[in-house]
Amino acid sequence: MASFGKEEKKKHNQLARHLAFWVAAAAYAVYLLTLSPGVSWEHHSEDSGDLITAAWVLGIPHPTGYPLFTMLGWIWSHVIAMGSVAWRMNVFSALWGAFAAGVTVRAVWASFYLLPEEIRGRITRSAMAVAACASGLLLAFATDVWALSVVTEVYSMNLFFVSLVSWILIELLIISDGENGNDAGRGRRGKLIAFLGFTWGLALTNHMTSIFLLPGILLVMFFGGIKPKPAEIAKGILFFILPLLLYLYLPIRSMMNPPLDWGNPETVDNFVWVVTGKQFRKLMFTLFPYQMLHQIMRYSSIPLEIAVPGALAAGLGISRMLLGRARGGIILMIYSLLLVASSLFYLASYYIWDPEGYLLPMIWAASLWAGWSIVLLVSVPDKLIKAGRVIGILLLVAAGISGLVGHWKQVDLSDNYEAMRFGEESFEAFENDALMLEMRYERAFVLWYYREVEYRDTRDDVAVIFLEHATFDWGLDLLERKYPDVVIPDEPIEGAKKEAVTAAWLIEKNIDQRPVYCGAPVDELVEEGYRFEAVGLIFRVFPPDAG
């Protein structure tokens, strides 16, 4: 790697900071223009009602609990006193997507210093700037990155941490190439290792899939020429453990009985159940090999995430990495391929219908590769180098803006009111002291949001029961505490269709004391003469003897 004086380093870092800021600002502006105005179901954001409600009431959302997202969301939603709480949380999600784009600019810019001096010298500073900015914009306007940044979800924050960990690892590789032997390099190395541990620990308190960063971290630390000392490793481990203490939020807050207390994680068993996502483990590692291949092939169109120019640039970039000889560049290539492999592994192992959030590390890797396309296009004979630079810059400019132009209509949620209308119209229909039973989680989460947030001071007479919760002991305990006037089963009702059987039991036991509504007719009760009268998208239940 080329060595630089202090002044040149300072100028380069200052330019990189400015570029990262403006790319993040541009991404944020676009996100705000296309932001969902409230709680949403679009872009597979069915969990948004749960996450928004948990953030506002400082509760416990669905496993794995997401303590960092919840606590930061609580601060954000209470400090930003404008718009609805759902809109504030959508803005919060957009912020992390924009941060990820900005950090990607810094990471790609830094990655060029892993090139041999004779190659790096062929890339002008303006070409580096275009490549880094294009990578950031490519990431920001990739379909799923953009889509998950305009609704409330944990994935944009997760992408930010993937970007930040990657940047730290690149900086460590730079030190290993040129500064490991001097005191300044060793001092900076120790700080970066500690920062790496802290950042990765924080990432795990947002989303447990950050565990898949481990192979790449081990690769860089022990095969990238870092040569960390035992004391530096110990310090990094300590800084990794510290943010994991945020998980203590779950049992501590659960003991305070918040309005949303998924899993009631105040006991050791319940805490482990929530943090490990045991509720969803039945979807893991259950596929036959041909099903796993089918699951992966469902996403063979991923290159279109970054549009055709972006896919072409990414192909050129990974080709250059494969041809590289410098150790740092080779390690970075393997690291990026590990991100892709981990995403594919998770997709093949976890049979869910909305895996878009798990694709984001793969898209980050493709954005890095796209930035490196400029390296291939200047690795030509001297008489062609100017043409190579021009072609590279034009391709990267096209890659940077093609996603913005091509994906806007597909992603734009500025006129998205479906979930909001469902929540508002349902509460308009509810009579006083109504009991609402809902089997579909996305609808239940929206009703939670309106009861606990929007109508918290006016409609707390309404009891909203997500029927899946009523199939767990902890769920029944929560419902008894929250709705003492509602008759709740003493223990979960067993059966082939537990939610439907539980709904029938709750209706029969409560219909004489309060008006009952549900999301869909219960066949067993229809046969017994109960009437289910549609009121918008919900049903008012009447007993057999009602006129």
Protein backbone atom coordinates (compact mmCIF):
# COMPACT_ATOMS: atom_id res chain seq x y z
CA MET A 1 0.00 0.00 0.00
CA ALA A 2 1.19 3.50 -0.70
CA SER A 3 2.35 5.55 2.28
CA PHE A 4 1.04 9.08 2.73
CA GLY A 5 2.05 12.12 4.70
CA LYS A 6 -0.19 13.50 7.44
CA GLU A 7 -1.48 16.35 5.33
CA GLU A 8 -2.41 14.13 2.38
CA LYS A 9 -4.15 11.67 4.70
CA LYS A 10 -6.03 14.52 6.32
CA LYS A 11 -7.22 15.86 2.95
CA HIS A 12 -8.30 12.40 1.78
CA ASN A 13 -10.20 11.69 5.01
CA GLN A 14 -11.85 15.09 4.91
CA LEU A 15 -13.06 14.52 1.35
CA ALA A 16 -14.32 11.05 2.27
CA ARG A 17 -16.26 12.50 5.23
CA HIS A 18 -17.87 15.12 3.03
CA LEU A 19 -18.83 12.58 0.39
CA ALA A 20 -20.30 10.24 3.01
CA PHE A 21 -22.33 13.08 4.52
CA TRP A 22 -23.83 14.18 1.22
CA VAL A 23 -24.62 10.65 0.08
CA ALA A 24 -26.34 9.95 3.41
CA ALA A 25 -28.20 13.25 3.19
CA ALA A 26 -29.36 12.51 -0.37
CA ALA A 27 -30.54 9.03 0.62
CA TYR A 28 -32.34 10.43 3.68
CA ALA A 29 -34.10 13.09 1.61
CA VAL A 30 -35.36 10.47 -0.85
CA TYR A 31 -36.46 8.19 1.99
CA LEU A 32 -38.45 11.00 3.58
CA LEU A 33 -40.16 11.77 0.28
CA THR A 34 -41.19 8.12 -0.12
CA LEU A 35 -41.84 7.38 3.56
CA SER A 36 -44.96 5.58 4.72
CA PRO A 37 -47.13 8.13 6.58
CA GLY A 38 -47.97 5.72 9.38
CA VAL A 39 -48.16 2.10 10.42
CA SER A 40 -47.87 -0.14 7.38
CA TRP A 41 -48.16 -3.65 5.97
CA GLU A 42 -46.33 -2.90 2.72
CA HIS A 43 -42.81 -4.13 1.90
CA HIS A 44 -43.38 -7.02 4.33
CA SER A 45 -43.53 -4.59 7.25
CA GLU A 46 -46.25 -6.55 9.05
CA ASP A 47 -44.21 -6.36 12.27
CA SER A 48 -44.20 -2.57 12.25
CA GLY A 49 -47.23 -2.21 14.54
CA ASP A 50 -45.54 -4.44 17.12
CA LEU A 51 -42.19 -2.62 16.90
CA ILE A 52 -43.71 0.86 17.02
CA THR A 53 -45.91 0.00 19.99
CA ALA A 54 -43.01 -1.59 21.87
CA ALA A 55 -40.83 1.47 21.26
CA TRP A 56 -43.51 3.92 22.44
CA VAL A 57 -44.49 2.03 25.62
CA LEU A 58 -40.95 0.73 26.23
CA GLY A 59 -42.20 -2.82 26.00
CA ILE A 60 -41.00 -6.20 24.74
CA PRO A 61 -41.67 -6.86 21.03
CA HIS A 62 -41.60 -10.27 19.34
CA PRO A 63 -38.46 -12.42 19.73
CA THR A 64 -35.59 -11.76 19.86
CA GLY A 65 -36.66 -8.69 21.80
CA TYR A 66 -34.53 -6.10 19.93
CA PRO A 67 -33.48 -4.13 23.05
CA LEU A 68 -31.30 -1.59 21.24
CA PHE A 69 -33.95 -0.77 18.63
CA THR A 70 -36.66 -0.55 21.29
CA MET A 71 -34.76 1.72 23.68
CA LEU A 72 -33.45 4.05 20.98
CA GLY A 73 -36.92 4.07 19.43
CA TRP A 74 -38.44 5.06 22.78
CA ILE A 75 -36.05 8.03 23.05
CA TRP A 76 -36.60 9.04 19.43
CA SER A 77 -40.40 8.77 19.47
CA HIS A 78 -40.69 10.83 22.64
CA VAL A 79 -38.10 13.48 21.75
CA ILE A 80 -39.28 14.08 18.17
CA ALA A 81 -42.61 15.66 19.01
CA MET A 82 -44.05 16.01 15.51
CA GLY A 83 -46.28 13.80 13.38
CA SER A 84 -47.79 10.53 14.51
CA VAL A 85 -45.70 8.10 16.53
CA ALA A 86 -45.72 5.67 13.59
CA TRP A 87 -44.43 8.40 11.26
CA ARG A 88 -41.66 9.26 13.74
CA MET A 89 -40.56 5.63 13.88
CA ASN A 90 -40.58 5.38 10.08
CA VAL A 91 -38.29 8.43 10.04
CA PHE A 92 -36.12 6.64 12.61
CA SER A 93 -35.84 3.59 10.36
CA ALA A 94 -34.97 5.82 7.39
CA LEU A 95 -32.18 7.43 9.38
CA TRP A 96 -30.36 4.11 9.79
CA GLY A 97 -30.69 3.30 6.10
CA ALA A 98 -29.13 6.67 5.27
CA PHE A 99 -26.35 6.09 7.83
CA ALA A 100 -25.61 2.74 6.18
CA ALA A 101 -25.21 4.46 2.80
CA GLY A 102 -22.85 7.05 4.27
CA VAL A 103 -20.73 4.46 6.07
CA THR A 104 -20.54 2.44 2.85
CA VAL A 105 -18.97 5.44 1.11
CA ARG A 106 -16.28 5.53 3.79
CA ALA A 107 -15.74 1.76 3.59
CA VAL A 108 -15.38 1.67 -0.20
CA TRP A 109 -13.11 4.72 -0.19
CA ALA A 110 -10.89 3.08 2.43
CA SER A 111 -10.84 -0.22 0.52
CA PHE A 112 -8.92 1.38 -2.35
CA TYR A 113 -5.94 1.78 -0.02
CA LEU A 114 -5.64 -2.00 0.03
CA LEU A 115 -4.51 -1.87 -3.60
CA PRO A 116 -0.82 -2.00 -4.56
CA GLU A 117 0.61 1.46 -5.11
CA GLU A 118 1.05 0.97 -8.85
CA ILE A 119 -2.66 0.16 -9.25
CA ARG A 120 -3.99 2.75 -6.84
CA GLY A 121 -1.93 5.42 -8.55
CA ARG A 122 -3.89 4.84 -11.76
CA ILE A 123 -7.15 5.81 -10.04
CA THR A 124 -7.61 9.56 -9.79
CA ARG A 125 -9.10 11.03 -6.64
CA SER A 126 -12.19 12.05 -8.61
CA ALA A 127 -12.62 8.47 -9.83
CA MET A 128 -12.32 7.20 -6.26
CA ALA A 129 -14.94 9.74 -5.21
CA VAL A 130 -17.35 8.65 -7.94
CA ALA A 131 -16.83 4.97 -7.10
CA ALA A 132 -17.38 5.45 -3.36
CA CYS A 133 -20.47 7.64 -3.86
CA ALA A 134 -21.90 5.27 -6.45
CA SER A 135 -21.52 2.35 -4.04
CA GLY A 136 -23.32 4.28 -1.30
CA LEU A 137 -26.15 5.33 -3.60
CA LEU A 138 -26.35 1.85 -5.10
CA LEU A 139 -26.91 0.45 -1.62
CA ALA A 140 -29.35 3.19 -0.60
CA PHE A 141 -31.57 2.73 -3.65
CA ALA A 142 -31.42 -1.07 -3.92
CA THR A 143 -35.04 -2.19 -3.86
CA ASP A 144 -35.12 -3.96 -0.51
CA VAL A 145 -32.79 -1.52 1.28
CA TRP A 146 -34.98 1.39 0.21
CA ALA A 147 -38.20 -0.51 0.91
CA LEU A 148 -37.15 -1.44 4.45
CA SER A 149 -35.97 2.10 5.17
CA VAL A 150 -39.37 3.75 4.61
CA VAL A 151 -41.25 1.58 7.12
CA THR A 152 -40.53 0.68 10.73
CA GLU A 153 -38.29 -2.38 10.73
CA VAL A 154 -35.04 -3.44 12.42
CA TYR A 155 -33.26 -4.26 9.17
CA SER A 156 -32.01 -0.79 8.23
CA MET A 157 -30.25 -0.57 11.61
CA ASN A 158 -28.85 -4.05 11.04
CA LEU A 159 -27.49 -2.94 7.65
CA PHE A 160 -25.85 0.06 9.31
CA PHE A 161 -23.97 -2.27 11.64
CA VAL A 162 -22.94 -4.56 8.77
CA SER A 163 -21.54 -1.50 6.98
CA LEU A 164 -19.78 -0.19 10.09
CA VAL A 165 -18.20 -3.53 11.04
CA SER A 166 -17.02 -3.91 7.44
CA TRP A 167 -15.45 -0.46 7.44
CA ILE A 168 -13.62 -1.17 10.71
CA LEU A 169 -12.27 -4.42 9.29
CA ILE A 170 -11.05 -2.62 6.16
CA GLU A 171 -9.24 -0.06 8.33
CA LEU A 172 -7.59 -2.92 10.22
CA LEU A 173 -6.46 -4.45 6.92
CA ILE A 174 -4.96 -1.10 5.89
CA ILE A 175 -2.95 -0.98 9.12
CA SER A 176 -1.75 -4.55 8.59
CA ASP A 177 -0.52 -3.61 5.11
CA GLY A 178 1.44 -0.53 6.07
CA GLU A 179 1.45 0.55 9.70
CA ASN A 180 1.59 -2.58 11.87
CA GLY A 181 5.24 -2.12 12.59
CA ASN A 182 5.14 1.42 14.03
CA ASP A 183 3.82 2.71 17.35
CA ALA A 184 1.05 4.80 15.77
CA GLY A 185 -0.21 1.80 13.82
CA ARG A 186 -0.15 -0.45 16.87
CA GLY A 187 -2.00 2.12 18.97
CA ARG A 188 -4.66 2.62 16.31
CA ARG A 189 -4.95 -1.14 15.86
CA GLY A 190 -5.80 -1.61 19.54
CA LYS A 191 -8.46 1.09 19.41
CA LEU A 192 -10.00 -0.33 16.25
CA ILE A 193 -10.15 -3.84 17.75
CA ALA A 194 -11.95 -2.48 20.81
CA PHE A 195 -14.31 -0.47 18.59
CA LEU A 196 -14.92 -3.57 16.47
CA GLY A 197 -15.89 -5.59 19.54
CA PHE A 198 -18.21 -2.87 20.81
CA THR A 199 -19.86 -2.38 17.41
CA TRP A 200 -20.44 -6.08 16.85
CA GLY A 201 -21.84 -6.45 20.36
CA LEU A 202 -24.25 -3.57 19.71
CA ALA A 203 -25.25 -5.15 16.40
CA LEU A 204 -26.26 -8.33 18.21
CA THR A 205 -28.54 -6.35 20.54
CA ASN A 206 -30.45 -5.20 17.46
CA HIS A 207 -30.62 -8.42 15.44
CA MET A 208 -29.18 -11.85 16.16
CA THR A 209 -28.32 -12.49 12.49
CA SER A 210 -25.27 -10.30 13.13
CA ILE A 211 -23.74 -13.52 14.44
CA PHE A 212 -23.05 -14.30 10.78
CA LEU A 213 -20.41 -11.55 10.80
CA LEU A 214 -18.25 -13.81 12.97
CA PRO A 215 -16.58 -15.82 10.16
CA GLY A 216 -15.55 -12.62 8.40
CA ILE A 217 -14.27 -11.06 11.61
CA LEU A 218 -12.16 -14.13 12.40
CA LEU A 219 -10.88 -14.19 8.82
CA VAL A 220 -9.63 -10.60 8.96
CA MET A 221 -8.30 -10.77 12.50
CA PHE A 222 -6.27 -13.95 12.14
CA PHE A 223 -5.54 -14.26 8.42
CA GLY A 224 -5.37 -10.59 7.41
CA GLY A 225 -1.98 -9.88 8.92
CA ILE A 226 -3.46 -7.94 11.86
CA LYS A 227 -1.34 -9.83 14.43
CA PRO A 228 -3.39 -8.75 17.45
CA LYS A 229 -1.74 -9.10 20.85
CA PRO A 230 -3.49 -11.11 23.58
CA ALA A 231 -4.17 -7.89 25.49
CA GLU A 232 -5.84 -6.36 22.42
CA ILE A 233 -7.98 -9.47 21.92
CA ALA A 234 -8.99 -9.44 25.58
CA LYS A 235 -9.92 -5.76 25.34
CA GLY A 236 -11.94 -6.42 22.19
CA ILE A 237 -13.81 -9.25 23.92
CA LEU A 238 -14.54 -7.03 26.92
CA PHE A 239 -15.92 -4.28 24.68
CA PHE A 240 -17.95 -6.93 22.84
CA ILE A 241 -19.54 -8.16 26.07
CA LEU A 242 -20.43 -4.71 27.44
CA PRO A 243 -23.21 -3.84 24.94
CA LEU A 244 -24.68 -7.35 25.31
CA LEU A 245 -25.69 -6.26 28.82
CA LEU A 246 -28.47 -4.33 27.07
CA TYR A 247 -30.32 -7.64 26.96
CA LEU A 248 -30.86 -7.20 30.70
CA TYR A 249 -33.44 -4.64 29.63
CA LEU A 250 -35.77 -7.51 28.77
CA PRO A 251 -36.16 -9.09 32.24
CA ILE A 252 -35.93 -5.77 34.06
CA ARG A 253 -38.61 -4.13 31.96
CA SER A 254 -40.75 -7.26 31.94
CA MET A 255 -40.87 -7.20 35.75
CA MET A 256 -42.55 -3.79 35.45
CA ASN A 257 -45.42 -5.34 33.44
CA PRO A 258 -45.39 -3.06 30.38
CA PRO A 259 -48.47 -3.08 28.10
CA LEU A 260 -46.55 -5.14 25.53
CA ASP A 261 -44.57 -7.95 27.17
CA TRP A 262 -43.98 -10.68 24.56
CA GLY A 263 -42.73 -13.86 26.21
CA ASN A 264 -42.69 -12.32 29.72
CA PRO A 265 -38.87 -12.75 29.84
CA GLU A 266 -38.44 -12.19 33.58
CA THR A 267 -37.60 -15.84 34.27
CA VAL A 268 -34.51 -17.58 32.95
CA ASP A 269 -36.54 -19.97 30.78
CA ASN A 270 -38.67 -17.20 29.31
CA PHE A 271 -35.63 -14.98 28.75
CA VAL A 272 -33.86 -17.73 26.80
CA TRP A 273 -37.09 -18.43 24.89
CA VAL A 274 -37.28 -14.81 23.75
CA VAL A 275 -33.60 -14.12 23.06
CA THR A 276 -33.04 -17.33 21.08
CA GLY A 277 -36.25 -16.91 19.08
CA LYS A 278 -37.38 -20.39 20.10
CA GLN A 279 -40.92 -19.59 18.98
CA PHE A 280 -39.73 -19.48 15.36
CA ARG A 281 -37.19 -22.30 15.47
CA LYS A 282 -39.74 -24.68 14.03
CA LEU A 283 -39.10 -22.89 10.72
CA MET A 284 -35.35 -23.53 10.86
CA PHE A 285 -33.50 -26.49 9.33
CA THR A 286 -36.67 -28.29 8.28
CA LEU A 287 -36.18 -28.24 4.49
CA PHE A 288 -35.02 -31.05 2.25
CA PRO A 289 -32.06 -30.23 -0.05
CA TYR A 290 -34.27 -29.65 -3.10
CA GLN A 291 -36.45 -27.31 -1.04
CA MET A 292 -33.38 -25.42 0.12
CA LEU A 293 -32.28 -24.98 -3.49
CA HIS A 294 -35.77 -23.80 -4.41
CA GLN A 295 -35.69 -21.32 -1.54
CA ILE A 296 -32.42 -19.88 -2.81
CA MET A 297 -33.55 -19.80 -6.44
CA ARG A 298 -36.55 -17.70 -5.41
CA TYR A 299 -34.07 -14.86 -5.10
CA SER A 300 -32.09 -15.39 -8.29
CA SER A 301 -33.31 -11.98 -9.40
CA ILE A 302 -31.26 -10.30 -6.66
CA PRO A 303 -28.97 -8.57 -9.24
CA LEU A 304 -32.00 -6.49 -10.26
CA GLU A 305 -32.01 -5.11 -6.70
CA ILE A 306 -29.19 -2.82 -7.80
CA ALA A 307 -30.48 -2.38 -11.38
CA VAL A 308 -28.66 -3.44 -14.53
CA PRO A 309 -25.77 -0.90 -14.44
CA GLY A 310 -25.18 -1.73 -10.78
CA ALA A 311 -25.18 -5.47 -11.47
CA LEU A 312 -22.73 -4.97 -14.34
CA ALA A 313 -20.44 -2.84 -12.16
CA ALA A 314 -20.62 -5.42 -9.35
CA GLY A 315 -19.69 -8.19 -11.79
CA LEU A 316 -16.67 -6.24 -12.99
CA GLY A 317 -15.65 -5.45 -9.44
CA ILE A 318 -15.74 -9.01 -8.12
CA SER A 319 -13.86 -10.09 -11.25
CA ARG A 320 -11.09 -7.64 -10.36
CA MET A 321 -11.02 -8.90 -6.78
CA LEU A 322 -10.69 -12.48 -8.00
CA LEU A 323 -7.68 -11.44 -10.13
CA GLY A 324 -6.02 -9.51 -7.32
CA ARG A 325 -2.74 -10.46 -5.69
CA ALA A 326 -2.53 -8.05 -2.75
CA ARG A 327 -3.33 -9.81 0.53
CA GLY A 328 -5.65 -7.12 1.82
CA GLY A 329 -7.74 -7.13 -1.35
CA ILE A 330 -7.95 -10.93 -1.35
CA ILE A 331 -9.06 -10.99 2.30
CA LEU A 332 -11.66 -8.33 1.55
CA MET A 333 -12.96 -10.38 -1.39
CA ILE A 334 -13.29 -13.49 0.78
CA TYR A 335 -14.98 -11.43 3.51
CA SER A 336 -17.56 -10.12 1.04
CA LEU A 337 -18.19 -13.64 -0.27
CA LEU A 338 -18.74 -14.80 3.32
CA LEU A 339 -21.47 -12.16 3.65
CA VAL A 340 -23.12 -13.58 0.54
CA ALA A 341 -22.70 -17.15 1.75
CA SER A 342 -24.19 -16.38 5.17
CA SER A 343 -27.22 -14.72 3.57
CA LEU A 344 -27.76 -17.71 1.29
CA PHE A 345 -27.31 -20.13 4.19
CA TYR A 346 -29.93 -18.32 6.23
CA LEU A 347 -32.32 -18.18 3.29
CA ALA A 348 -31.89 -21.88 2.68
CA SER A 349 -32.35 -22.77 6.35
CA TYR A 350 -35.20 -20.50 7.42
CA TYR A 351 -38.46 -21.13 5.61
CA ILE A 352 -40.28 -17.80 5.75
CA TRP A 353 -42.18 -15.88 3.15
CA ASP A 354 -40.65 -12.45 3.87
CA PRO A 355 -36.85 -12.88 3.98
CA GLU A 356 -35.99 -9.56 2.32
CA GLY A 357 -34.31 -8.19 5.43
CA TYR A 358 -31.83 -11.06 5.43
CA LEU A 359 -30.70 -10.18 1.90
CA LEU A 360 -29.23 -6.81 2.89
CA PRO A 361 -25.69 -8.03 3.75
CA MET A 362 -25.56 -9.63 0.29
CA ILE A 363 -26.60 -6.33 -1.28
CA TRP A 364 -23.89 -4.55 0.72
CA ALA A 365 -21.29 -6.92 -0.72
CA ALA A 366 -22.55 -6.24 -4.25
CA SER A 367 -22.28 -2.48 -3.61
CA LEU A 368 -18.66 -2.92 -2.55
CA TRP A 369 -17.93 -4.92 -5.69
CA ALA A 370 -19.53 -2.22 -7.83
CA GLY A 371 -17.14 0.36 -6.40
CA TRP A 372 -14.22 -1.87 -7.31
CA SER A 373 -15.25 -1.96 -10.97
CA ILE A 374 -13.18 1.19 -11.43
CA VAL A 375 -10.09 -0.82 -10.47
CA LEU A 376 -10.62 -3.29 -13.31
CA LEU A 377 -11.31 -0.53 -15.82
CA VAL A 378 -8.02 1.25 -15.07
CA SER A 379 -6.01 -2.00 -15.09
CA VAL A 380 -5.43 -1.60 -18.81
CA PRO A 381 -2.47 -0.57 -20.96
CA ASP A 382 -1.40 3.04 -20.39
CA LYS A 383 -2.72 4.22 -23.74
CA LEU A 384 -6.22 3.05 -22.76
CA ILE A 385 -6.25 4.25 -19.17
CA LYS A 386 -8.10 7.51 -19.87
CA ALA A 387 -10.80 5.63 -21.75
CA GLY A 388 -10.99 3.14 -18.88
CA ARG A 389 -11.50 5.92 -16.36
CA VAL A 390 -14.21 7.55 -18.45
CA ILE A 391 -16.06 4.27 -18.99
CA GLY A 392 -15.73 3.41 -15.31
CA ILE A 393 -17.01 6.77 -14.12
CA LEU A 394 -19.94 6.72 -16.56
CA LEU A 395 -20.87 3.18 -15.52
CA LEU A 396 -20.71 4.09 -11.83
CA VAL A 397 -22.75 7.25 -12.32
CA ALA A 398 -25.37 5.20 -14.16
CA ALA A 399 -25.27 2.59 -11.36
CA GLY A 400 -25.70 5.26 -8.70
CA ILE A 401 -28.77 6.88 -10.23
CA SER A 402 -30.45 3.93 -11.98
CA GLY A 403 -31.83 2.53 -8.74
CA LEU A 404 -33.23 5.91 -7.78
CA VAL A 405 -35.03 6.32 -11.08
CA GLY A 406 -35.99 2.72 -11.66
CA HIS A 407 -37.19 1.77 -8.18
CA TRP A 408 -39.02 4.92 -7.05
CA LYS A 409 -42.50 3.90 -8.17
CA GLN A 410 -42.09 0.37 -6.82
CA VAL A 411 -40.93 1.52 -3.39
CA ASP A 412 -42.81 4.78 -2.81
CA LEU A 413 -45.22 4.53 0.17
CA SER A 414 -46.06 8.20 0.56
CA ASP A 415 -49.69 7.39 -0.29
CA ASN A 416 -49.94 4.19 1.74
CA TYR A 417 -52.91 4.26 4.14
CA GLU A 418 -54.30 0.69 4.09
CA ALA A 419 -53.15 -0.39 7.55
CA MET A 420 -53.99 3.00 9.02
CA ARG A 421 -57.53 2.84 7.64
CA PHE A 422 -57.97 -0.65 9.08
CA GLY A 423 -56.95 0.52 12.55
CA GLU A 424 -58.97 3.73 12.52
CA GLU A 425 -62.13 2.18 11.06
CA SER A 426 -61.96 -0.75 13.46
CA PHE A 427 -61.83 1.53 16.49
CA GLU A 428 -64.66 3.62 15.09
CA ALA A 429 -66.73 0.41 14.91
CA PHE A 430 -65.88 -0.86 18.39
CA GLU A 431 -68.60 -0.32 20.96
CA ASN A 432 -67.64 0.58 24.50
CA ASP A 433 -65.80 -2.18 26.40
CA ALA A 434 -65.40 -4.22 23.21
CA LEU A 435 -63.37 -7.42 23.08
CA MET A 436 -61.46 -7.88 19.81
CA LEU A 437 -59.99 -11.28 18.89
CA GLU A 438 -57.52 -11.41 16.02
CA MET A 439 -55.67 -14.39 14.59
CA ARG A 440 -53.62 -12.58 11.93
CA TYR A 441 -50.56 -11.05 13.48
CA GLU A 442 -50.25 -8.05 11.14
CA ARG A 443 -53.81 -6.94 11.94
CA ALA A 444 -53.37 -7.57 15.67
CA PHE A 445 -50.21 -5.45 15.69
CA VAL A 446 -52.01 -2.53 14.03
CA LEU A 447 -54.80 -2.76 16.62
CA TRP A 448 -52.21 -2.83 19.40
CA TYR A 449 -50.69 0.33 17.98
CA TYR A 450 -53.99 2.20 17.91
CA ARG A 451 -55.02 1.05 21.37
CA GLU A 452 -51.69 1.68 23.12
CA VAL A 453 -50.49 4.70 21.17
CA GLU A 454 -52.99 6.68 19.10
CA TYR A 455 -56.06 6.08 21.31
CA ARG A 456 -54.28 5.40 24.59
CA ASP A 457 -56.24 8.12 26.42
CA THR A 458 -59.65 7.53 24.84
CA ARG A 459 -60.13 3.85 23.96
CA ASP A 460 -58.37 1.88 26.66
CA ASP A 461 -61.75 0.24 27.30
CA VAL A 462 -61.16 -1.96 24.24
CA ALA A 463 -59.42 -5.31 24.86
CA VAL A 464 -57.36 -6.54 21.91
CA ILE A 465 -56.25 -10.18 22.07
CA PHE A 466 -53.79 -11.67 19.61
CA LEU A 467 -54.95 -15.28 19.70
CA GLU A 468 -51.48 -16.77 19.31
CA HIS A 469 -50.52 -15.20 22.64
CA ALA A 470 -53.48 -16.96 24.28
CA THR A 471 -51.93 -20.32 23.38
CA PHE A 472 -48.99 -19.76 25.77
CA ASP A 473 -48.95 -19.74 29.59
CA TRP A 474 -47.10 -16.43 29.64
CA GLY A 475 -49.65 -14.99 27.21
CA LEU A 476 -52.59 -15.93 29.44
CA ASP A 477 -50.83 -14.40 32.46
CA LEU A 478 -50.27 -11.20 30.48
CA LEU A 479 -53.92 -11.05 29.36
CA GLU A 480 -55.21 -11.61 32.91
CA ARG A 481 -53.10 -8.72 34.20
CA LYS A 482 -53.94 -6.41 31.33
CA TYR A 483 -57.67 -7.17 31.02
CA PRO A 484 -58.92 -8.21 34.48
CA ASP A 485 -62.57 -7.90 33.41
CA VAL A 486 -62.18 -10.36 30.51
CA VAL A 487 -62.67 -14.06 31.23
CA ILE A 488 -59.40 -15.78 30.30
CA PRO A 489 -58.65 -19.56 30.23
CA ASP A 490 -56.65 -20.86 33.21
CA GLU A 491 -54.32 -22.72 30.86
CA PRO A 492 -53.72 -22.94 27.10
CA ILE A 493 -56.41 -24.83 25.22
CA GLU A 494 -55.01 -27.77 23.31
CA GLY A 495 -56.20 -28.86 19.89
CA ALA A 496 -55.34 -29.10 16.23
CA LYS A 497 -56.46 -25.51 15.61
CA LYS A 498 -55.53 -23.92 18.92
CA GLU A 499 -56.20 -20.31 17.93
CA ALA A 500 -59.66 -21.08 16.53
CA VAL A 501 -60.60 -23.22 19.55
CA THR A 502 -59.36 -20.51 21.91
CA ALA A 503 -61.35 -17.87 19.99
CA ALA A 504 -64.52 -19.96 20.35
CA TRP A 505 -63.91 -20.38 24.10
CA LEU A 506 -63.32 -16.65 24.62
CA ILE A 507 -66.41 -15.70 22.63
CA GLU A 508 -68.67 -18.10 24.53
CA LYS A 509 -67.36 -16.99 27.94
CA ASN A 510 -67.42 -13.23 27.32
CA ILE A 511 -70.24 -12.50 24.88
CA ASP A 512 -72.83 -12.00 27.63
CA GLN A 513 -70.69 -9.39 29.40
CA ARG A 514 -69.35 -7.26 26.52
CA PRO A 515 -69.57 -6.79 22.73
CA VAL A 516 -67.22 -9.18 20.95
CA TYR A 517 -65.51 -8.72 17.58
CA CYS A 518 -63.15 -10.94 15.67
CA GLY A 519 -61.09 -10.91 12.51
CA ALA A 520 -62.91 -13.83 10.85
CA PRO A 521 -65.90 -16.09 11.56
CA VAL A 522 -65.24 -19.14 13.74
CA ASP A 523 -66.67 -22.19 11.94
CA GLU A 524 -67.45 -24.06 15.15
CA LEU A 525 -69.61 -21.21 16.44
CA VAL A 526 -71.29 -20.63 13.09
CA GLU A 527 -72.52 -24.21 13.30
CA GLU A 528 -73.91 -23.49 16.77
CA GLY A 529 -75.93 -20.55 15.50
CA TYR A 530 -73.67 -17.61 16.32
CA ARG A 531 -73.90 -14.73 13.84
CA PHE A 532 -70.84 -12.95 12.48
CA GLU A 533 -71.87 -9.62 11.02
CA ALA A 534 -69.27 -7.82 8.90
CA VAL A 535 -68.34 -4.32 10.05
CA GLY A 536 -65.73 -3.12 7.59
CA LEU A 537 -62.86 -5.60 7.79
CA ILE A 538 -63.88 -7.09 11.14
CA PHE A 539 -66.91 -9.03 12.39
CA ARG A 540 -69.32 -8.29 15.23
CA VAL A 541 -70.32 -11.52 16.96
CA PHE A 542 -73.88 -12.15 18.14
CA PRO A 543 -75.04 -15.15 20.23
CA PRO A 544 -77.58 -17.62 18.83
CA ASP A 545 -80.48 -16.09 20.78
CA ALA A 546 -79.80 -12.52 19.58
CA GLY A 547 -82.50 -10.99 17.41
